[in-house]
Amino acid sequence: MPEQVVTILAGDSYVDILHGSAGVPTVDDITITEHDNLSGRSKWIDNIDATKFRINISSVDAVNSHEFGWRLLSETYLPAAGRYGILVTVKNLCQIDLTDTSKDSQLDVTIKAADNIINNALKRAGAITPLVSPDDNIHDISNYIAAGLFKQKDVPDEKLHSFYVLGLNMLNDYIMTNYPGTIPLPGGSGSTPITNPSIAYGAGLAT
């Protein structure tokens, strides 16, 4: 969910916000960031229910209004439509602050690439793809492959990031368990490793 902006008006000490979540979020599901100087005032969230929550400041400012950014994190723990990978999980693996959205578009590209690697491998094994109800293993595989593709820029040439290799190994194990007799993927366990990351990444972008 992109950051939303709300204002506590001068003379007030709180503002109520409609969160739009399908369930009741917790304090840990909501992040808030002040956009101006609170002059020593503290801020906190409370009064959370099925439709709204409240941002408070510790004392009334009779002169200045105060703007806050807020973001509902729990809604992003589900994959985007048509994706196996989960943006929040990939950001955590890549050690990117969840409130930093500047890399989200690039990460979505790597999640798409990871999902295509999974779909191509499963299709060769005889599965009908994309999977309608993927289990948690598929989500985990996509997350690791996507994080590895994103982090590949930090790895010396001709080597693959450990997340990418881990994702392929998990995918091979998944296929060997569910589709016995399938030839293992290049770069994963039981196979000849891929040494050129551009080839691996290109395979992920194939449809």
N, C-alpha and C. Protein backbone atom coordinates (compact mmCIF):
# COMPACT_ATOMS: atom_id res chain seq x y z
N MET A 1 0.85 -1.19 0.00
CA MET A 1 0.00 0.00 0.00
C MET A 1 0.88 1.24 0.00
N PRO A 2 0.69 2.18 -0.93
CA PRO A 2 1.47 3.41 -0.93
C PRO A 2 1.19 4.26 0.30
N GLU A 3 2.14 5.12 0.63
CA GLU A 3 1.95 5.99 1.80
C GLU A 3 0.78 6.94 1.57
N GLN A 4 -0.06 7.08 2.59
CA GLN A 4 -1.16 8.03 2.60
C GLN A 4 -0.79 9.21 3.51
N VAL A 5 -1.40 10.35 3.27
CA VAL A 5 -1.07 11.55 4.04
C VAL A 5 -2.31 12.02 4.79
N VAL A 6 -2.12 12.41 6.06
CA VAL A 6 -3.21 12.91 6.89
C VAL A 6 -2.67 14.03 7.77
N THR A 7 -3.54 14.90 8.23
CA THR A 7 -3.11 16.06 9.01
C THR A 7 -3.87 16.16 10.32
N ILE A 8 -3.12 16.39 11.41
CA ILE A 8 -3.73 16.79 12.68
C ILE A 8 -3.77 18.32 12.66
N LEU A 9 -4.96 18.86 12.67
CA LEU A 9 -5.13 20.30 12.54
C LEU A 9 -4.70 21.04 13.79
N ALA A 10 -4.27 22.29 13.62
CA ALA A 10 -3.92 23.13 14.76
C ALA A 10 -5.10 23.17 15.73
N GLY A 11 -4.79 23.00 17.01
CA GLY A 11 -5.84 22.98 18.02
C GLY A 11 -6.35 21.60 18.35
N ASP A 12 -5.95 20.58 17.56
CA ASP A 12 -6.35 19.20 17.82
C ASP A 12 -5.14 18.39 18.28
N SER A 13 -5.40 17.28 18.92
CA SER A 13 -4.32 16.40 19.36
C SER A 13 -4.40 15.02 18.72
N TYR A 14 -5.35 14.81 17.82
CA TYR A 14 -5.46 13.51 17.15
C TYR A 14 -6.24 13.66 15.86
N VAL A 15 -6.15 12.61 15.03
CA VAL A 15 -6.98 12.51 13.84
C VAL A 15 -7.35 11.05 13.65
N ASP A 16 -8.59 10.78 13.28
CA ASP A 16 -9.04 9.42 13.00
C ASP A 16 -8.96 9.15 11.50
N ILE A 17 -8.52 7.94 11.15
CA ILE A 17 -8.25 7.59 9.75
C ILE A 17 -8.98 6.29 9.41
N LEU A 18 -9.63 6.24 8.27
CA LEU A 18 -10.20 4.99 7.75
C LEU A 18 -9.07 4.20 7.11
N HIS A 19 -8.79 3.00 7.64
CA HIS A 19 -7.64 2.24 7.14
C HIS A 19 -7.94 1.38 5.92
N GLY A 20 -9.18 0.99 5.70
CA GLY A 20 -9.53 0.23 4.50
C GLY A 20 -9.10 -1.21 4.51
N SER A 21 -8.64 -1.72 5.65
CA SER A 21 -8.20 -3.12 5.71
C SER A 21 -9.40 -4.05 5.77
N ALA A 22 -9.22 -5.25 5.22
CA ALA A 22 -10.29 -6.24 5.27
C ALA A 22 -10.48 -6.79 6.68
N GLY A 23 -9.45 -6.71 7.51
CA GLY A 23 -9.54 -7.17 8.89
C GLY A 23 -9.19 -6.05 9.85
N VAL A 24 -9.01 -6.41 11.11
CA VAL A 24 -8.61 -5.42 12.13
C VAL A 24 -7.09 -5.46 12.25
N PRO A 25 -6.39 -4.42 11.83
CA PRO A 25 -4.93 -4.42 11.92
C PRO A 25 -4.47 -4.24 13.37
N THR A 26 -3.22 -4.54 13.62
CA THR A 26 -2.61 -4.27 14.92
C THR A 26 -1.71 -3.04 14.79
N VAL A 27 -1.19 -2.58 15.92
CA VAL A 27 -0.27 -1.45 15.90
C VAL A 27 0.93 -1.75 15.02
N ASP A 28 1.39 -3.01 15.03
CA ASP A 28 2.56 -3.39 14.23
C ASP A 28 2.27 -3.40 12.73
N ASP A 29 0.99 -3.41 12.37
CA ASP A 29 0.63 -3.43 10.95
C ASP A 29 0.60 -2.04 10.33
N ILE A 30 0.72 -1.00 11.15
CA ILE A 30 0.60 0.38 10.66
C ILE A 30 1.88 1.14 10.98
N THR A 31 2.43 1.79 9.99
CA THR A 31 3.59 2.65 10.22
C THR A 31 3.20 4.10 9.99
N ILE A 32 3.68 5.00 10.86
CA ILE A 32 3.40 6.42 10.70
C ILE A 32 4.72 7.19 10.76
N THR A 33 4.80 8.26 9.97
CA THR A 33 6.00 9.10 9.91
C THR A 33 5.58 10.56 9.90
N GLU A 34 6.14 11.34 10.82
CA GLU A 34 5.81 12.77 10.82
C GLU A 34 6.50 13.45 9.64
N HIS A 35 5.83 14.39 9.01
CA HIS A 35 6.37 15.13 7.87
C HIS A 35 6.86 16.52 8.26
N ASP A 36 6.77 16.86 9.53
CA ASP A 36 7.24 18.17 9.98
C ASP A 36 7.70 18.05 11.43
N ASN A 37 8.15 19.16 11.99
CA ASN A 37 8.71 19.18 13.34
C ASN A 37 7.60 19.17 14.39
N LEU A 38 7.59 18.16 15.23
CA LEU A 38 6.58 18.07 16.28
C LEU A 38 6.98 18.85 17.53
N SER A 39 8.14 19.48 17.49
CA SER A 39 8.60 20.32 18.62
C SER A 39 8.60 19.56 19.95
N GLY A 40 9.13 18.36 19.92
CA GLY A 40 9.26 17.56 21.13
C GLY A 40 8.05 16.72 21.48
N ARG A 41 6.97 16.86 20.75
CA ARG A 41 5.78 16.05 21.05
C ARG A 41 6.01 14.61 20.60
N SER A 42 5.42 13.68 21.31
CA SER A 42 5.47 12.28 20.90
C SER A 42 4.23 11.95 20.09
N LYS A 43 4.28 10.84 19.39
CA LYS A 43 3.14 10.39 18.56
C LYS A 43 2.89 8.93 18.84
N TRP A 44 1.66 8.49 18.66
CA TRP A 44 1.34 7.08 18.81
C TRP A 44 0.00 6.78 18.14
N ILE A 45 -0.26 5.48 18.01
CA ILE A 45 -1.49 4.99 17.38
C ILE A 45 -2.33 4.28 18.44
N ASP A 46 -3.63 4.50 18.41
CA ASP A 46 -4.54 3.72 19.25
C ASP A 46 -5.94 3.73 18.63
N ASN A 47 -6.93 3.28 19.39
CA ASN A 47 -8.33 3.23 18.94
C ASN A 47 -8.48 2.51 17.59
N ILE A 48 -7.80 1.40 17.46
CA ILE A 48 -7.88 0.63 16.21
C ILE A 48 -9.12 -0.27 16.25
N ASP A 49 -9.92 -0.21 15.20
CA ASP A 49 -11.05 -1.12 15.10
C ASP A 49 -11.18 -1.60 13.65
N ALA A 50 -12.32 -2.15 13.30
CA ALA A 50 -12.48 -2.76 11.98
C ALA A 50 -12.46 -1.75 10.83
N THR A 51 -12.65 -0.48 11.14
CA THR A 51 -12.73 0.50 10.05
C THR A 51 -11.71 1.64 10.16
N LYS A 52 -11.22 1.93 11.38
CA LYS A 52 -10.39 3.13 11.52
C LYS A 52 -9.34 2.94 12.60
N PHE A 53 -8.41 3.91 12.66
CA PHE A 53 -7.46 4.00 13.75
C PHE A 53 -7.18 5.48 14.00
N ARG A 54 -6.46 5.77 15.08
CA ARG A 54 -6.22 7.16 15.48
C ARG A 54 -4.72 7.43 15.63
N ILE A 55 -4.27 8.54 15.05
CA ILE A 55 -2.92 9.05 15.30
C ILE A 55 -3.03 10.17 16.33
N ASN A 56 -2.24 10.07 17.40
CA ASN A 56 -2.26 11.06 18.48
C ASN A 56 -0.92 11.79 18.57
N ILE A 57 -0.96 13.02 19.08
CA ILE A 57 0.25 13.70 19.53
C ILE A 57 0.04 14.06 21.00
N SER A 58 1.16 14.21 21.72
CA SER A 58 1.08 14.29 23.18
C SER A 58 0.52 15.59 23.71
N SER A 59 0.48 16.63 22.90
CA SER A 59 -0.13 17.88 23.36
C SER A 59 -0.64 18.68 22.17
N VAL A 60 -1.63 19.50 22.41
CA VAL A 60 -2.23 20.31 21.35
C VAL A 60 -1.23 21.38 20.89
N ASP A 61 -1.16 21.58 19.59
CA ASP A 61 -0.42 22.72 19.03
C ASP A 61 -1.47 23.72 18.55
N ALA A 62 -1.57 24.84 19.24
CA ALA A 62 -2.61 25.81 18.92
C ALA A 62 -2.31 26.61 17.66
N VAL A 63 -1.05 26.55 17.19
CA VAL A 63 -0.63 27.39 16.06
C VAL A 63 -0.47 26.59 14.77
N ASN A 64 0.20 25.43 14.86
CA ASN A 64 0.58 24.70 13.65
C ASN A 64 -0.18 23.39 13.50
N SER A 65 -0.54 23.07 12.26
CA SER A 65 -1.03 21.73 11.94
C SER A 65 0.17 20.82 11.71
N HIS A 66 -0.04 19.52 11.83
CA HIS A 66 1.06 18.56 11.66
C HIS A 66 0.63 17.44 10.71
N GLU A 67 1.45 17.24 9.69
CA GLU A 67 1.15 16.25 8.65
C GLU A 67 1.90 14.94 8.94
N PHE A 68 1.21 13.85 8.70
CA PHE A 68 1.79 12.52 8.89
C PHE A 68 1.59 11.68 7.63
N GLY A 69 2.56 10.84 7.35
CA GLY A 69 2.37 9.79 6.37
C GLY A 69 2.05 8.50 7.11
N TRP A 70 1.14 7.71 6.57
CA TRP A 70 0.85 6.42 7.19
C TRP A 70 0.71 5.35 6.12
N ARG A 71 1.01 4.15 6.51
CA ARG A 71 0.98 3.05 5.56
C ARG A 71 0.56 1.79 6.28
N LEU A 72 -0.34 1.06 5.69
CA LEU A 72 -0.81 -0.21 6.24
C LEU A 72 0.06 -1.32 5.68
N LEU A 73 0.90 -1.89 6.53
CA LEU A 73 1.85 -2.90 6.06
C LEU A 73 1.22 -4.26 5.87
N SER A 74 0.25 -4.62 6.71
CA SER A 74 -0.28 -5.98 6.66
C SER A 74 -0.91 -6.31 5.33
N GLU A 75 -1.47 -5.31 4.64
CA GLU A 75 -2.11 -5.58 3.36
C GLU A 75 -1.11 -6.04 2.32
N THR A 76 0.17 -5.72 2.50
CA THR A 76 1.18 -6.10 1.51
C THR A 76 1.82 -7.44 1.82
N TYR A 77 1.33 -8.15 2.85
CA TYR A 77 1.86 -9.48 3.12
C TYR A 77 1.23 -10.54 2.22
N LEU A 78 0.32 -10.13 1.37
CA LEU A 78 -0.25 -11.00 0.35
C LEU A 78 0.40 -10.66 -0.98
N PRO A 79 0.54 -11.64 -1.88
CA PRO A 79 1.14 -11.31 -3.18
C PRO A 79 0.21 -10.43 -4.00
N ALA A 80 0.79 -9.66 -4.88
CA ALA A 80 0.00 -8.88 -5.82
C ALA A 80 -0.73 -9.84 -6.76
N ALA A 81 -1.75 -9.35 -7.42
CA ALA A 81 -2.52 -10.19 -8.34
C ALA A 81 -1.61 -10.80 -9.39
N GLY A 82 -1.71 -12.12 -9.57
CA GLY A 82 -0.91 -12.80 -10.57
C GLY A 82 0.52 -13.07 -10.17
N ARG A 83 0.89 -12.86 -8.90
CA ARG A 83 2.25 -13.06 -8.43
C ARG A 83 2.29 -14.13 -7.34
N TYR A 84 3.42 -14.84 -7.26
CA TYR A 84 3.67 -15.77 -6.16
C TYR A 84 4.48 -15.06 -5.06
N GLY A 85 5.44 -14.26 -5.46
CA GLY A 85 6.30 -13.58 -4.51
C GLY A 85 5.57 -12.47 -3.77
N ILE A 86 6.03 -12.17 -2.57
CA ILE A 86 5.40 -11.18 -1.71
C ILE A 86 6.37 -10.03 -1.50
N LEU A 87 5.95 -8.83 -1.90
CA LEU A 87 6.84 -7.68 -1.90
C LEU A 87 7.48 -7.43 -0.53
N VAL A 88 6.69 -7.46 0.53
CA VAL A 88 7.23 -7.18 1.87
C VAL A 88 8.33 -8.17 2.23
N THR A 89 8.12 -9.45 1.92
CA THR A 89 9.11 -10.47 2.25
C THR A 89 10.39 -10.27 1.46
N VAL A 90 10.26 -9.96 0.17
CA VAL A 90 11.44 -9.72 -0.66
C VAL A 90 12.20 -8.50 -0.15
N LYS A 91 11.48 -7.45 0.25
CA LYS A 91 12.15 -6.26 0.79
C LYS A 91 12.89 -6.60 2.08
N ASN A 92 12.29 -7.43 2.92
CA ASN A 92 12.97 -7.84 4.15
C ASN A 92 14.24 -8.63 3.83
N LEU A 93 14.16 -9.54 2.88
CA LEU A 93 15.34 -10.32 2.49
C LEU A 93 16.44 -9.42 1.96
N CYS A 94 16.06 -8.38 1.24
CA CYS A 94 17.03 -7.46 0.65
C CYS A 94 17.43 -6.34 1.61
N GLN A 95 16.89 -6.39 2.84
CA GLN A 95 17.18 -5.39 3.87
C GLN A 95 16.83 -3.98 3.40
N ILE A 96 15.65 -3.87 2.78
CA ILE A 96 15.11 -2.58 2.35
C ILE A 96 14.01 -2.19 3.32
N ASP A 97 14.09 -0.98 3.85
CA ASP A 97 13.07 -0.51 4.78
C ASP A 97 11.68 -0.58 4.13
N LEU A 98 10.71 -1.10 4.87
CA LEU A 98 9.38 -1.29 4.30
C LEU A 98 8.72 0.03 3.91
N THR A 99 9.14 1.12 4.52
CA THR A 99 8.56 2.41 4.16
C THR A 99 9.23 3.03 2.94
N ASP A 100 10.33 2.44 2.46
CA ASP A 100 11.02 2.93 1.26
C ASP A 100 10.38 2.28 0.04
N THR A 101 9.64 3.06 -0.73
CA THR A 101 8.94 2.52 -1.90
C THR A 101 9.68 2.80 -3.21
N SER A 102 10.87 3.38 -3.13
CA SER A 102 11.57 3.80 -4.34
C SER A 102 12.00 2.62 -5.21
N LYS A 103 12.14 1.43 -4.63
CA LYS A 103 12.59 0.26 -5.38
C LYS A 103 11.46 -0.73 -5.66
N ASP A 104 10.23 -0.38 -5.29
CA ASP A 104 9.12 -1.33 -5.42
C ASP A 104 8.89 -1.78 -6.85
N SER A 105 9.00 -0.85 -7.81
CA SER A 105 8.77 -1.21 -9.22
C SER A 105 9.84 -2.19 -9.70
N GLN A 106 11.09 -1.94 -9.32
CA GLN A 106 12.17 -2.84 -9.71
C GLN A 106 12.00 -4.21 -9.05
N LEU A 107 11.59 -4.21 -7.80
CA LEU A 107 11.36 -5.48 -7.11
C LEU A 107 10.21 -6.25 -7.74
N ASP A 108 9.18 -5.55 -8.20
CA ASP A 108 8.07 -6.23 -8.86
C ASP A 108 8.53 -6.93 -10.13
N VAL A 109 9.49 -6.30 -10.83
CA VAL A 109 10.05 -6.93 -12.04
C VAL A 109 10.77 -8.22 -11.66
N THR A 110 11.54 -8.20 -10.57
CA THR A 110 12.27 -9.41 -10.18
C THR A 110 11.31 -10.48 -9.67
N ILE A 111 10.21 -10.07 -9.03
CA ILE A 111 9.21 -11.06 -8.60
C ILE A 111 8.55 -11.70 -9.82
N LYS A 112 8.26 -10.88 -10.83
CA LYS A 112 7.70 -11.43 -12.06
C LYS A 112 8.67 -12.41 -12.70
N ALA A 113 9.95 -12.05 -12.72
CA ALA A 113 10.97 -12.94 -13.30
C ALA A 113 11.04 -14.24 -12.52
N ALA A 114 11.02 -14.14 -11.18
CA ALA A 114 11.06 -15.34 -10.35
C ALA A 114 9.85 -16.23 -10.61
N ASP A 115 8.68 -15.61 -10.72
CA ASP A 115 7.47 -16.39 -10.96
C ASP A 115 7.51 -17.08 -12.33
N ASN A 116 8.10 -16.42 -13.30
CA ASN A 116 8.22 -17.03 -14.62
C ASN A 116 9.19 -18.22 -14.60
N ILE A 117 10.26 -18.10 -13.81
CA ILE A 117 11.18 -19.24 -13.64
C ILE A 117 10.40 -20.42 -13.05
N ILE A 118 9.62 -20.14 -12.04
CA ILE A 118 8.83 -21.20 -11.39
C ILE A 118 7.83 -21.80 -12.37
N ASN A 119 7.08 -20.95 -13.07
CA ASN A 119 6.07 -21.45 -14.01
C ASN A 119 6.69 -22.26 -15.13
N ASN A 120 7.82 -21.79 -15.68
CA ASN A 120 8.48 -22.54 -16.76
C ASN A 120 8.94 -23.90 -16.29
N ALA A 121 9.50 -23.95 -15.06
CA ALA A 121 9.96 -25.22 -14.52
C ALA A 121 8.80 -26.17 -14.25
N LEU A 122 7.74 -25.65 -13.67
CA LEU A 122 6.58 -26.49 -13.38
C LEU A 122 5.90 -26.96 -14.65
N LYS A 123 5.88 -26.11 -15.67
CA LYS A 123 5.27 -26.50 -16.94
C LYS A 123 6.04 -27.66 -17.58
N ARG A 124 7.39 -27.58 -17.50
CA ARG A 124 8.20 -28.69 -18.03
C ARG A 124 7.95 -29.98 -17.26
N ALA A 125 7.57 -29.84 -15.97
CA ALA A 125 7.30 -31.01 -15.15
C ALA A 125 5.89 -31.55 -15.36
N GLY A 126 5.07 -30.83 -16.14
CA GLY A 126 3.72 -31.30 -16.44
C GLY A 126 2.61 -30.59 -15.70
N ALA A 127 2.95 -29.53 -14.95
CA ALA A 127 1.93 -28.80 -14.19
C ALA A 127 1.21 -27.81 -15.10
N ILE A 128 -0.01 -27.46 -14.71
CA ILE A 128 -0.75 -26.40 -15.39
C ILE A 128 -0.45 -25.09 -14.66
N THR A 129 0.11 -24.15 -15.39
CA THR A 129 0.51 -22.88 -14.77
C THR A 129 -0.20 -21.71 -15.45
N PRO A 130 -0.32 -20.58 -14.73
CA PRO A 130 0.12 -20.36 -13.35
C PRO A 130 -0.74 -21.12 -12.34
N LEU A 131 -0.15 -21.43 -11.19
CA LEU A 131 -0.87 -22.16 -10.15
C LEU A 131 -1.99 -21.28 -9.60
N VAL A 132 -3.16 -21.87 -9.43
CA VAL A 132 -4.31 -21.11 -8.95
C VAL A 132 -4.22 -20.89 -7.44
N SER A 133 -3.82 -21.92 -6.71
CA SER A 133 -3.72 -21.82 -5.25
C SER A 133 -2.35 -22.32 -4.80
N PRO A 134 -1.30 -21.52 -5.05
CA PRO A 134 0.05 -21.97 -4.68
C PRO A 134 0.20 -22.11 -3.17
N ASP A 135 0.96 -23.12 -2.74
CA ASP A 135 1.18 -23.28 -1.30
C ASP A 135 2.33 -22.39 -0.84
N ASP A 136 2.61 -22.43 0.45
CA ASP A 136 3.62 -21.55 1.02
C ASP A 136 5.01 -21.79 0.44
N ASN A 137 5.28 -23.03 0.04
CA ASN A 137 6.59 -23.32 -0.55
C ASN A 137 6.83 -22.52 -1.82
N ILE A 138 5.80 -22.38 -2.65
CA ILE A 138 5.93 -21.62 -3.89
C ILE A 138 6.17 -20.15 -3.58
N HIS A 139 5.47 -19.61 -2.59
CA HIS A 139 5.72 -18.22 -2.19
C HIS A 139 7.16 -18.03 -1.74
N ASP A 140 7.65 -18.97 -0.91
CA ASP A 140 9.02 -18.87 -0.41
C ASP A 140 10.04 -18.96 -1.55
N ILE A 141 9.80 -19.87 -2.49
CA ILE A 141 10.71 -20.03 -3.63
C ILE A 141 10.79 -18.73 -4.42
N SER A 142 9.64 -18.16 -4.73
CA SER A 142 9.61 -16.91 -5.48
C SER A 142 10.32 -15.80 -4.73
N ASN A 143 10.09 -15.71 -3.43
CA ASN A 143 10.72 -14.65 -2.64
C ASN A 143 12.24 -14.74 -2.70
N TYR A 144 12.78 -15.94 -2.54
CA TYR A 144 14.24 -16.10 -2.55
C TYR A 144 14.83 -15.85 -3.93
N ILE A 145 14.17 -16.36 -4.97
CA ILE A 145 14.70 -16.14 -6.32
C ILE A 145 14.65 -14.66 -6.66
N ALA A 146 13.54 -13.99 -6.33
CA ALA A 146 13.40 -12.56 -6.62
C ALA A 146 14.45 -11.75 -5.87
N ALA A 147 14.64 -12.05 -4.59
CA ALA A 147 15.66 -11.33 -3.80
C ALA A 147 17.05 -11.57 -4.38
N GLY A 148 17.31 -12.80 -4.82
CA GLY A 148 18.61 -13.10 -5.43
C GLY A 148 18.84 -12.34 -6.71
N LEU A 149 17.80 -12.23 -7.53
CA LEU A 149 17.92 -11.47 -8.77
C LEU A 149 18.16 -9.99 -8.48
N PHE A 150 17.48 -9.46 -7.47
CA PHE A 150 17.68 -8.05 -7.12
C PHE A 150 19.08 -7.81 -6.57
N LYS A 151 19.57 -8.73 -5.74
CA LYS A 151 20.88 -8.57 -5.11
C LYS A 151 22.04 -8.96 -6.01
N GLN A 152 21.73 -9.49 -7.21
CA GLN A 152 22.79 -9.97 -8.09
C GLN A 152 23.80 -8.88 -8.43
N LYS A 153 23.37 -7.63 -8.44
CA LYS A 153 24.28 -6.53 -8.78
C LYS A 153 25.42 -6.40 -7.78
N ASP A 154 25.25 -6.98 -6.58
CA ASP A 154 26.29 -6.90 -5.55
C ASP A 154 27.23 -8.09 -5.57
N VAL A 155 27.03 -9.01 -6.54
CA VAL A 155 27.81 -10.25 -6.59
C VAL A 155 28.81 -10.17 -7.74
N PRO A 156 30.04 -10.67 -7.55
CA PRO A 156 31.02 -10.66 -8.65
C PRO A 156 30.49 -11.37 -9.89
N ASP A 157 30.97 -10.96 -11.05
CA ASP A 157 30.57 -11.57 -12.32
C ASP A 157 30.77 -13.09 -12.29
N GLU A 158 29.90 -13.77 -13.02
CA GLU A 158 29.95 -15.22 -13.20
C GLU A 158 29.59 -16.00 -11.93
N LYS A 159 29.08 -15.33 -10.91
CA LYS A 159 28.60 -16.02 -9.72
C LYS A 159 27.13 -15.66 -9.52
N LEU A 160 26.42 -16.54 -8.85
CA LEU A 160 25.01 -16.30 -8.56
C LEU A 160 24.84 -15.97 -7.09
N HIS A 161 23.91 -15.08 -6.79
CA HIS A 161 23.65 -14.74 -5.41
C HIS A 161 23.10 -15.95 -4.66
N SER A 162 23.47 -16.07 -3.40
CA SER A 162 23.09 -17.24 -2.60
C SER A 162 21.56 -17.38 -2.48
N PHE A 163 20.83 -16.26 -2.47
CA PHE A 163 19.37 -16.34 -2.41
C PHE A 163 18.82 -17.01 -3.66
N TYR A 164 19.41 -16.66 -4.82
CA TYR A 164 18.95 -17.24 -6.09
C TYR A 164 19.19 -18.75 -6.09
N VAL A 165 20.38 -19.16 -5.66
CA VAL A 165 20.72 -20.59 -5.62
C VAL A 165 19.81 -21.32 -4.64
N LEU A 166 19.57 -20.71 -3.47
CA LEU A 166 18.68 -21.33 -2.49
C LEU A 166 17.28 -21.50 -3.07
N GLY A 167 16.79 -20.46 -3.77
CA GLY A 167 15.47 -20.55 -4.39
C GLY A 167 15.39 -21.67 -5.41
N LEU A 168 16.43 -21.81 -6.24
CA LEU A 168 16.44 -22.89 -7.23
C LEU A 168 16.49 -24.26 -6.56
N ASN A 169 17.29 -24.38 -5.49
CA ASN A 169 17.34 -25.65 -4.78
C ASN A 169 15.98 -26.01 -4.19
N MET A 170 15.31 -25.00 -3.63
CA MET A 170 13.97 -25.24 -3.08
C MET A 170 12.99 -25.64 -4.19
N LEU A 171 13.13 -24.99 -5.36
CA LEU A 171 12.25 -25.32 -6.48
C LEU A 171 12.51 -26.73 -6.98
N ASN A 172 13.79 -27.12 -7.07
CA ASN A 172 14.12 -28.49 -7.47
C ASN A 172 13.55 -29.50 -6.48
N ASP A 173 13.70 -29.22 -5.20
CA ASP A 173 13.17 -30.14 -4.19
C ASP A 173 11.65 -30.26 -4.32
N TYR A 174 10.99 -29.11 -4.57
CA TYR A 174 9.54 -29.11 -4.72
C TYR A 174 9.13 -29.95 -5.93
N ILE A 175 9.83 -29.78 -7.04
CA ILE A 175 9.49 -30.52 -8.26
C ILE A 175 9.78 -32.01 -8.10
N MET A 176 10.94 -32.34 -7.50
CA MET A 176 11.30 -33.75 -7.32
C MET A 176 10.29 -34.46 -6.42
N THR A 177 9.74 -33.71 -5.43
CA THR A 177 8.76 -34.29 -4.52
C THR A 177 7.40 -34.47 -5.17
N ASN A 178 6.99 -33.46 -5.93
CA ASN A 178 5.64 -33.47 -6.49
C ASN A 178 5.55 -34.01 -7.91
N TYR A 179 6.69 -34.00 -8.63
CA TYR A 179 6.72 -34.48 -10.02
C TYR A 179 7.95 -35.35 -10.20
N PRO A 180 7.95 -36.55 -9.61
CA PRO A 180 9.14 -37.42 -9.66
C PRO A 180 9.56 -37.72 -11.10
N GLY A 181 10.88 -37.79 -11.29
CA GLY A 181 11.42 -38.12 -12.60
C GLY A 181 11.73 -36.93 -13.47
N THR A 182 11.37 -35.73 -13.02
CA THR A 182 11.65 -34.52 -13.78
C THR A 182 13.15 -34.21 -13.71
N ILE A 183 13.72 -33.76 -14.83
CA ILE A 183 15.13 -33.38 -14.86
C ILE A 183 15.33 -32.13 -14.01
N PRO A 184 16.32 -32.13 -13.09
CA PRO A 184 16.53 -30.96 -12.23
C PRO A 184 16.85 -29.69 -13.03
N LEU A 185 16.51 -28.57 -12.46
CA LEU A 185 16.81 -27.28 -13.08
C LEU A 185 18.30 -27.00 -13.07
N PRO A 186 18.83 -26.33 -14.11
CA PRO A 186 20.21 -25.86 -14.05
C PRO A 186 20.38 -24.87 -12.91
N GLY A 187 21.46 -25.01 -12.17
CA GLY A 187 21.76 -24.07 -11.10
C GLY A 187 21.25 -24.49 -9.75
N GLY A 188 20.44 -25.54 -9.70
CA GLY A 188 19.92 -26.01 -8.42
C GLY A 188 20.60 -27.29 -7.99
N SER A 189 20.12 -27.88 -6.89
CA SER A 189 20.72 -29.11 -6.39
C SER A 189 20.50 -30.24 -7.38
N GLY A 190 21.49 -31.11 -7.49
CA GLY A 190 21.39 -32.24 -8.40
C GLY A 190 21.55 -31.89 -9.85
N SER A 191 22.15 -30.74 -10.16
CA SER A 191 22.28 -30.31 -11.54
C SER A 191 23.60 -29.59 -11.74
N THR A 192 23.89 -29.25 -12.99
CA THR A 192 25.06 -28.44 -13.31
C THR A 192 24.72 -26.98 -13.08
N PRO A 193 25.47 -26.29 -12.22
CA PRO A 193 25.11 -24.91 -11.89
C PRO A 193 25.18 -23.97 -13.09
N ILE A 194 24.27 -23.00 -13.14
CA ILE A 194 24.38 -21.89 -14.08
C ILE A 194 25.46 -20.96 -13.55
N THR A 195 26.38 -20.51 -14.40
CA THR A 195 27.43 -19.61 -13.94
C THR A 195 27.24 -18.20 -14.46
N ASN A 196 26.34 -17.99 -15.42
CA ASN A 196 26.13 -16.66 -15.98
C ASN A 196 24.80 -16.12 -15.49
N PRO A 197 24.82 -15.13 -14.59
CA PRO A 197 23.56 -14.63 -14.04
C PRO A 197 22.65 -14.00 -15.07
N SER A 198 23.21 -13.45 -16.15
CA SER A 198 22.36 -12.85 -17.16
C SER A 198 21.52 -13.91 -17.88
N ILE A 199 22.09 -15.11 -18.03
CA ILE A 199 21.33 -16.20 -18.63
C ILE A 199 20.19 -16.61 -17.69
N ALA A 200 20.53 -16.72 -16.40
CA ALA A 200 19.51 -17.10 -15.42
C ALA A 200 18.39 -16.08 -15.38
N TYR A 201 18.76 -14.80 -15.39
CA TYR A 201 17.76 -13.76 -15.32
C TYR A 201 16.92 -13.74 -16.60
N GLY A 202 17.57 -13.94 -17.74
CA GLY A 202 16.84 -13.97 -19.00
C GLY A 202 15.83 -15.10 -19.04
N ALA A 203 16.21 -16.26 -18.44
CA ALA A 203 15.28 -17.38 -18.41
C ALA A 203 14.05 -17.00 -17.60
N GLY A 204 14.26 -16.22 -16.56
CA GLY A 204 13.13 -15.82 -15.72
C GLY A 204 12.18 -14.89 -16.44
N LEU A 205 12.69 -14.11 -17.38
CA LEU A 205 11.83 -13.18 -18.08
C LEU A 205 11.10 -13.82 -19.25
N ALA A 206 11.47 -15.04 -19.58
CA ALA A 206 10.81 -15.70 -20.69
C ALA A 206 9.37 -16.00 -20.30
N THR A 207 8.49 -16.05 -21.28
CA THR A 207 7.09 -16.37 -21.02
C THR A 207 6.76 -17.74 -21.58
